[in-house]
Amino acid sequence: MSDPGIDLSAIRLPAPNPPTQPDEQTQQEQQDLDRTHRRALIRGTEQDIDERKKYANRVFWLICFWLAAVFLLLIAEGLGSILRFNLGERVTLAVIGSTTINVLGIFYIVAHYLFPNR
């Protein structure tokens, strides 16, 4: 008994269960993706190393110039009677103290940036 208004051929069977193991093309795509990911990690690490070298060099020269400027300031203070240069005792102590703290602080920051705890 079939109803002339119903088309039974339009009814589809349920799809079979998907395979539990990836096929060869899927495995190849996964390997390519893993390889690309590893290359990106290596490139990122190389870039980090290059940037760290660059900024460590810049900070090194900044500290060298900073200390040289303080040294010249102290030489000028020592030759104050000849150069007609005179800083007060408090100013001299402040320059020496602040420079020491700043240099140690910059060194600490750069050292932790170059050698992070991983």
N, C-alpha and C. Protein backbone atom coordinates (compact mmCIF):
# COMPACT_ATOMS: atom_id res chain seq x y z
N MET A 1 0.80 -1.16 0.00
CA MET A 1 0.00 0.00 0.00
C MET A 1 0.86 1.24 0.00
N SER A 2 0.91 1.84 -1.06
CA SER A 2 1.72 3.04 -1.13
C SER A 2 0.83 4.22 -1.44
N ASP A 3 1.20 5.30 -0.82
CA ASP A 3 0.45 6.54 -1.01
C ASP A 3 1.04 7.25 -2.22
N PRO A 4 0.23 7.62 -3.18
CA PRO A 4 0.79 8.25 -4.38
C PRO A 4 1.40 9.62 -4.11
N GLY A 5 1.17 10.28 -3.00
CA GLY A 5 1.72 11.61 -2.71
C GLY A 5 3.06 11.58 -1.97
N ILE A 6 3.55 10.42 -1.55
CA ILE A 6 4.79 10.33 -0.76
C ILE A 6 5.86 9.67 -1.62
N ASP A 7 7.01 10.32 -1.70
CA ASP A 7 8.13 9.78 -2.47
C ASP A 7 9.11 9.15 -1.49
N LEU A 8 9.13 7.86 -1.39
CA LEU A 8 9.99 7.15 -0.45
C LEU A 8 11.46 7.16 -0.89
N SER A 9 11.74 7.43 -2.11
CA SER A 9 13.13 7.43 -2.58
C SER A 9 13.90 8.65 -2.04
N ALA A 10 13.21 9.68 -1.55
CA ALA A 10 13.87 10.87 -0.99
C ALA A 10 14.40 10.61 0.41
N ILE A 11 14.00 9.52 1.03
CA ILE A 11 14.47 9.20 2.37
C ILE A 11 15.85 8.56 2.24
N ARG A 12 16.79 9.13 2.97
CA ARG A 12 18.18 8.63 2.92
C ARG A 12 18.49 7.84 4.18
N LEU A 13 19.40 6.92 4.01
CA LEU A 13 19.86 6.13 5.14
C LEU A 13 20.81 6.99 5.97
N PRO A 14 20.93 6.72 7.27
CA PRO A 14 21.87 7.49 8.09
C PRO A 14 23.30 7.26 7.59
N ALA A 15 24.12 8.29 7.75
CA ALA A 15 25.51 8.21 7.31
C ALA A 15 26.25 7.18 8.16
N PRO A 16 27.22 6.50 7.56
CA PRO A 16 27.99 5.53 8.35
C PRO A 16 28.85 6.26 9.38
N ASN A 17 29.26 5.55 10.41
CA ASN A 17 30.12 6.16 11.44
C ASN A 17 31.43 6.62 10.82
N PRO A 18 31.93 7.78 11.26
CA PRO A 18 33.21 8.24 10.70
C PRO A 18 34.33 7.31 11.16
N PRO A 19 35.41 7.27 10.38
CA PRO A 19 36.51 6.38 10.76
C PRO A 19 37.19 6.89 12.04
N THR A 20 37.70 5.93 12.81
CA THR A 20 38.36 6.31 14.06
C THR A 20 39.80 6.76 13.82
N GLN A 21 40.41 6.32 12.75
CA GLN A 21 41.78 6.70 12.42
C GLN A 21 41.75 7.68 11.25
N PRO A 22 42.60 8.75 11.30
CA PRO A 22 42.63 9.69 10.18
C PRO A 22 43.20 9.03 8.93
N ASP A 23 42.70 9.47 7.80
CA ASP A 23 43.22 8.92 6.56
C ASP A 23 44.59 9.52 6.23
N GLU A 24 45.19 9.08 5.17
CA GLU A 24 46.55 9.47 4.83
C GLU A 24 46.67 10.98 4.56
N GLN A 25 45.69 11.53 3.87
CA GLN A 25 45.73 12.97 3.57
C GLN A 25 45.61 13.79 4.87
N THR A 26 44.78 13.37 5.78
CA THR A 26 44.63 14.07 7.04
C THR A 26 45.91 14.00 7.86
N GLN A 27 46.55 12.84 7.87
CA GLN A 27 47.82 12.69 8.57
C GLN A 27 48.89 13.61 7.98
N GLN A 28 48.93 13.69 6.66
CA GLN A 28 49.90 14.56 5.99
C GLN A 28 49.64 16.03 6.34
N GLU A 29 48.39 16.44 6.34
CA GLU A 29 48.05 17.82 6.70
C GLU A 29 48.44 18.12 8.14
N GLN A 30 48.21 17.16 9.04
CA GLN A 30 48.59 17.35 10.44
C GLN A 30 50.10 17.48 10.59
N GLN A 31 50.86 16.66 9.86
CA GLN A 31 52.32 16.75 9.91
C GLN A 31 52.79 18.10 9.36
N ASP A 32 52.18 18.56 8.27
CA ASP A 32 52.54 19.88 7.72
C ASP A 32 52.23 20.99 8.70
N LEU A 33 51.10 20.89 9.37
CA LEU A 33 50.72 21.90 10.36
C LEU A 33 51.70 21.89 11.53
N ASP A 34 52.07 20.71 12.01
CA ASP A 34 53.04 20.61 13.11
C ASP A 34 54.39 21.18 12.70
N ARG A 35 54.83 20.88 11.48
CA ARG A 35 56.10 21.38 10.98
C ARG A 35 56.08 22.91 10.88
N THR A 36 54.99 23.46 10.37
CA THR A 36 54.86 24.92 10.26
C THR A 36 54.86 25.56 11.65
N HIS A 37 54.20 24.93 12.59
CA HIS A 37 54.15 25.45 13.97
C HIS A 37 55.55 25.46 14.59
N ARG A 38 56.31 24.38 14.41
CA ARG A 38 57.67 24.32 14.96
C ARG A 38 58.57 25.39 14.32
N ARG A 39 58.43 25.58 13.01
CA ARG A 39 59.21 26.62 12.34
C ARG A 39 58.88 28.01 12.88
N ALA A 40 57.60 28.25 13.12
CA ALA A 40 57.19 29.55 13.67
C ALA A 40 57.76 29.75 15.07
N LEU A 41 57.77 28.70 15.88
CA LEU A 41 58.35 28.81 17.22
C LEU A 41 59.85 29.09 17.15
N ILE A 42 60.54 28.43 16.24
CA ILE A 42 61.98 28.66 16.09
C ILE A 42 62.24 30.08 15.61
N ARG A 43 61.46 30.55 14.63
CA ARG A 43 61.62 31.93 14.15
C ARG A 43 61.37 32.93 15.26
N GLY A 44 60.35 32.67 16.08
CA GLY A 44 60.05 33.57 17.19
C GLY A 44 61.18 33.59 18.22
N THR A 45 61.73 32.43 18.50
CA THR A 45 62.84 32.36 19.45
C THR A 45 64.07 33.07 18.91
N GLU A 46 64.36 32.88 17.63
CA GLU A 46 65.50 33.57 17.02
C GLU A 46 65.30 35.09 17.06
N GLN A 47 64.09 35.53 16.79
CA GLN A 47 63.80 36.97 16.84
C GLN A 47 63.96 37.49 18.26
N ASP A 48 63.50 36.74 19.26
CA ASP A 48 63.67 37.15 20.65
C ASP A 48 65.15 37.30 21.00
N ILE A 49 65.95 36.34 20.56
CA ILE A 49 67.39 36.39 20.85
C ILE A 49 68.02 37.62 20.21
N ASP A 50 67.67 37.88 18.94
CA ASP A 50 68.23 39.06 18.26
C ASP A 50 67.82 40.35 18.95
N GLU A 51 66.55 40.45 19.34
CA GLU A 51 66.07 41.66 20.02
C GLU A 51 66.74 41.83 21.38
N ARG A 52 66.92 40.74 22.09
CA ARG A 52 67.56 40.82 23.40
C ARG A 52 69.00 41.29 23.26
N LYS A 53 69.70 40.77 22.24
CA LYS A 53 71.08 41.23 22.02
C LYS A 53 71.10 42.73 21.72
N LYS A 54 70.18 43.16 20.87
CA LYS A 54 70.14 44.56 20.47
C LYS A 54 69.88 45.46 21.68
N TYR A 55 68.87 45.12 22.47
CA TYR A 55 68.53 45.98 23.61
C TYR A 55 69.55 45.87 24.74
N ALA A 56 70.15 44.71 24.90
CA ALA A 56 71.20 44.60 25.91
C ALA A 56 72.38 45.49 25.54
N ASN A 57 72.72 45.54 24.28
CA ASN A 57 73.81 46.41 23.81
C ASN A 57 73.46 47.88 24.04
N ARG A 58 72.23 48.24 23.72
CA ARG A 58 71.80 49.63 23.91
C ARG A 58 71.83 50.02 25.40
N VAL A 59 71.36 49.15 26.25
CA VAL A 59 71.35 49.44 27.68
C VAL A 59 72.78 49.51 28.21
N PHE A 60 73.65 48.64 27.71
CA PHE A 60 75.05 48.69 28.12
C PHE A 60 75.66 50.06 27.82
N TRP A 61 75.44 50.56 26.59
CA TRP A 61 76.01 51.86 26.22
C TRP A 61 75.34 53.00 26.98
N LEU A 62 74.06 52.88 27.25
CA LEU A 62 73.37 53.90 28.05
C LEU A 62 74.01 53.99 29.43
N ILE A 63 74.24 52.85 30.05
CA ILE A 63 74.85 52.84 31.38
C ILE A 63 76.28 53.39 31.32
N CYS A 64 77.03 53.01 30.27
CA CYS A 64 78.41 53.53 30.14
C CYS A 64 78.42 55.05 30.03
N PHE A 65 77.55 55.60 29.18
CA PHE A 65 77.50 57.06 29.02
C PHE A 65 77.02 57.74 30.31
N TRP A 66 76.08 57.12 30.94
CA TRP A 66 75.54 57.66 32.19
C TRP A 66 76.64 57.75 33.24
N LEU A 67 77.38 56.64 33.40
CA LEU A 67 78.46 56.64 34.38
C LEU A 67 79.58 57.59 33.99
N ALA A 68 79.86 57.71 32.70
CA ALA A 68 80.89 58.65 32.25
C ALA A 68 80.47 60.08 32.55
N ALA A 69 79.19 60.39 32.36
CA ALA A 69 78.70 61.73 32.65
C ALA A 69 78.83 62.03 34.15
N VAL A 70 78.49 61.08 34.98
CA VAL A 70 78.62 61.28 36.43
C VAL A 70 80.09 61.43 36.80
N PHE A 71 80.95 60.62 36.19
CA PHE A 71 82.38 60.71 36.45
C PHE A 71 82.91 62.09 36.07
N LEU A 72 82.50 62.58 34.90
CA LEU A 72 82.93 63.92 34.48
C LEU A 72 82.39 65.00 35.41
N LEU A 73 81.17 64.80 35.89
CA LEU A 73 80.60 65.74 36.85
C LEU A 73 81.42 65.76 38.14
N LEU A 74 81.84 64.59 38.59
CA LEU A 74 82.65 64.52 39.79
C LEU A 74 84.05 65.11 39.56
N ILE A 75 84.62 64.91 38.40
CA ILE A 75 85.92 65.51 38.07
C ILE A 75 85.78 67.03 38.06
N ALA A 76 84.71 67.52 37.45
CA ALA A 76 84.49 68.96 37.41
C ALA A 76 84.30 69.51 38.83
N GLU A 77 83.62 68.73 39.67
CA GLU A 77 83.44 69.16 41.06
C GLU A 77 84.79 69.20 41.79
N GLY A 78 85.63 68.19 41.49
CA GLY A 78 86.94 68.16 42.12
C GLY A 78 87.84 69.30 41.66
N LEU A 79 87.69 69.70 40.42
CA LEU A 79 88.47 70.81 39.87
C LEU A 79 87.66 72.11 39.88
N GLY A 80 86.76 72.20 40.81
CA GLY A 80 85.83 73.33 40.88
C GLY A 80 86.50 74.68 40.98
N SER A 81 87.60 74.76 41.72
CA SER A 81 88.26 76.06 41.86
C SER A 81 88.90 76.49 40.55
N ILE A 82 89.35 75.54 39.75
CA ILE A 82 89.98 75.88 38.46
C ILE A 82 88.91 76.16 37.42
N LEU A 83 87.87 75.36 37.39
CA LEU A 83 86.82 75.48 36.37
C LEU A 83 85.69 76.40 36.79
N ARG A 84 85.76 76.91 37.99
CA ARG A 84 84.68 77.74 38.54
C ARG A 84 83.34 76.99 38.50
N PHE A 85 83.42 75.75 38.95
CA PHE A 85 82.26 74.87 38.98
C PHE A 85 82.09 74.38 40.41
N ASN A 86 80.90 74.53 40.95
CA ASN A 86 80.70 74.14 42.32
C ASN A 86 79.26 73.63 42.50
N LEU A 87 79.17 72.40 42.95
CA LEU A 87 77.87 71.84 43.34
C LEU A 87 77.86 71.72 44.85
N GLY A 88 76.71 71.81 45.40
CA GLY A 88 76.62 71.62 46.84
C GLY A 88 76.85 70.17 47.22
N GLU A 89 77.17 69.96 48.48
CA GLU A 89 77.44 68.60 48.95
C GLU A 89 76.22 67.71 48.79
N ARG A 90 75.04 68.24 49.07
CA ARG A 90 73.80 67.46 48.94
C ARG A 90 73.54 67.08 47.49
N VAL A 91 73.81 68.01 46.59
CA VAL A 91 73.59 67.72 45.17
C VAL A 91 74.55 66.62 44.71
N THR A 92 75.80 66.71 45.12
CA THR A 92 76.79 65.69 44.74
C THR A 92 76.39 64.32 45.28
N LEU A 93 75.99 64.27 46.53
CA LEU A 93 75.56 63.00 47.11
C LEU A 93 74.30 62.46 46.42
N ALA A 94 73.39 63.34 46.07
CA ALA A 94 72.17 62.92 45.38
C ALA A 94 72.50 62.34 44.00
N VAL A 95 73.43 62.99 43.29
CA VAL A 95 73.82 62.49 41.97
C VAL A 95 74.47 61.12 42.09
N ILE A 96 75.37 60.95 43.02
CA ILE A 96 76.05 59.66 43.19
C ILE A 96 75.05 58.58 43.62
N GLY A 97 74.20 58.90 44.59
CA GLY A 97 73.23 57.92 45.08
C GLY A 97 72.20 57.53 44.05
N SER A 98 71.64 58.52 43.37
CA SER A 98 70.61 58.21 42.38
C SER A 98 71.19 57.45 41.19
N THR A 99 72.42 57.79 40.81
CA THR A 99 73.05 57.07 39.71
C THR A 99 73.29 55.62 40.07
N THR A 100 73.76 55.39 41.27
CA THR A 100 74.00 54.01 41.71
C THR A 100 72.70 53.21 41.70
N ILE A 101 71.65 53.78 42.23
CA ILE A 101 70.36 53.08 42.28
C ILE A 101 69.82 52.86 40.87
N ASN A 102 69.93 53.86 40.01
CA ASN A 102 69.44 53.72 38.63
C ASN A 102 70.21 52.66 37.86
N VAL A 103 71.52 52.66 37.98
CA VAL A 103 72.33 51.67 37.26
C VAL A 103 72.00 50.26 37.75
N LEU A 104 71.91 50.08 39.06
CA LEU A 104 71.55 48.76 39.58
C LEU A 104 70.14 48.34 39.16
N GLY A 105 69.21 49.29 39.14
CA GLY A 105 67.85 48.98 38.71
C GLY A 105 67.78 48.57 37.25
N ILE A 106 68.46 49.31 36.39
CA ILE A 106 68.47 48.97 34.96
C ILE A 106 69.14 47.62 34.75
N PHE A 107 70.25 47.39 35.45
CA PHE A 107 70.93 46.10 35.34
C PHE A 107 70.00 44.96 35.76
N TYR A 108 69.27 45.14 36.84
CA TYR A 108 68.34 44.12 37.32
C TYR A 108 67.26 43.83 36.28
N ILE A 109 66.68 44.89 35.73
CA ILE A 109 65.61 44.72 34.73
C ILE A 109 66.13 44.01 33.49
N VAL A 110 67.28 44.44 33.00
CA VAL A 110 67.84 43.83 31.79
C VAL A 110 68.23 42.37 32.05
N ALA A 111 68.82 42.09 33.20
CA ALA A 111 69.20 40.72 33.52
C ALA A 111 67.98 39.81 33.57
N HIS A 112 66.88 40.29 34.14
CA HIS A 112 65.67 39.47 34.19
C HIS A 112 65.01 39.34 32.83
N TYR A 113 65.19 40.32 31.97
CA TYR A 113 64.65 40.23 30.62
C TYR A 113 65.47 39.26 29.78
N LEU A 114 66.80 39.32 29.92
CA LEU A 114 67.66 38.44 29.12
C LEU A 114 67.63 37.00 29.60
N PHE A 115 67.45 36.80 30.89
CA PHE A 115 67.46 35.45 31.46
C PHE A 115 66.21 35.22 32.29
N PRO A 116 65.06 35.08 31.63
CA PRO A 116 63.82 34.90 32.38
C PRO A 116 63.78 33.52 33.03
N ASN A 117 63.01 33.44 34.11
CA ASN A 117 62.82 32.15 34.78
C ASN A 117 61.80 31.35 33.99
N ARG A 118 62.25 30.26 33.41
CA ARG A 118 61.32 29.44 32.61
C ARG A 118 61.10 28.12 33.25
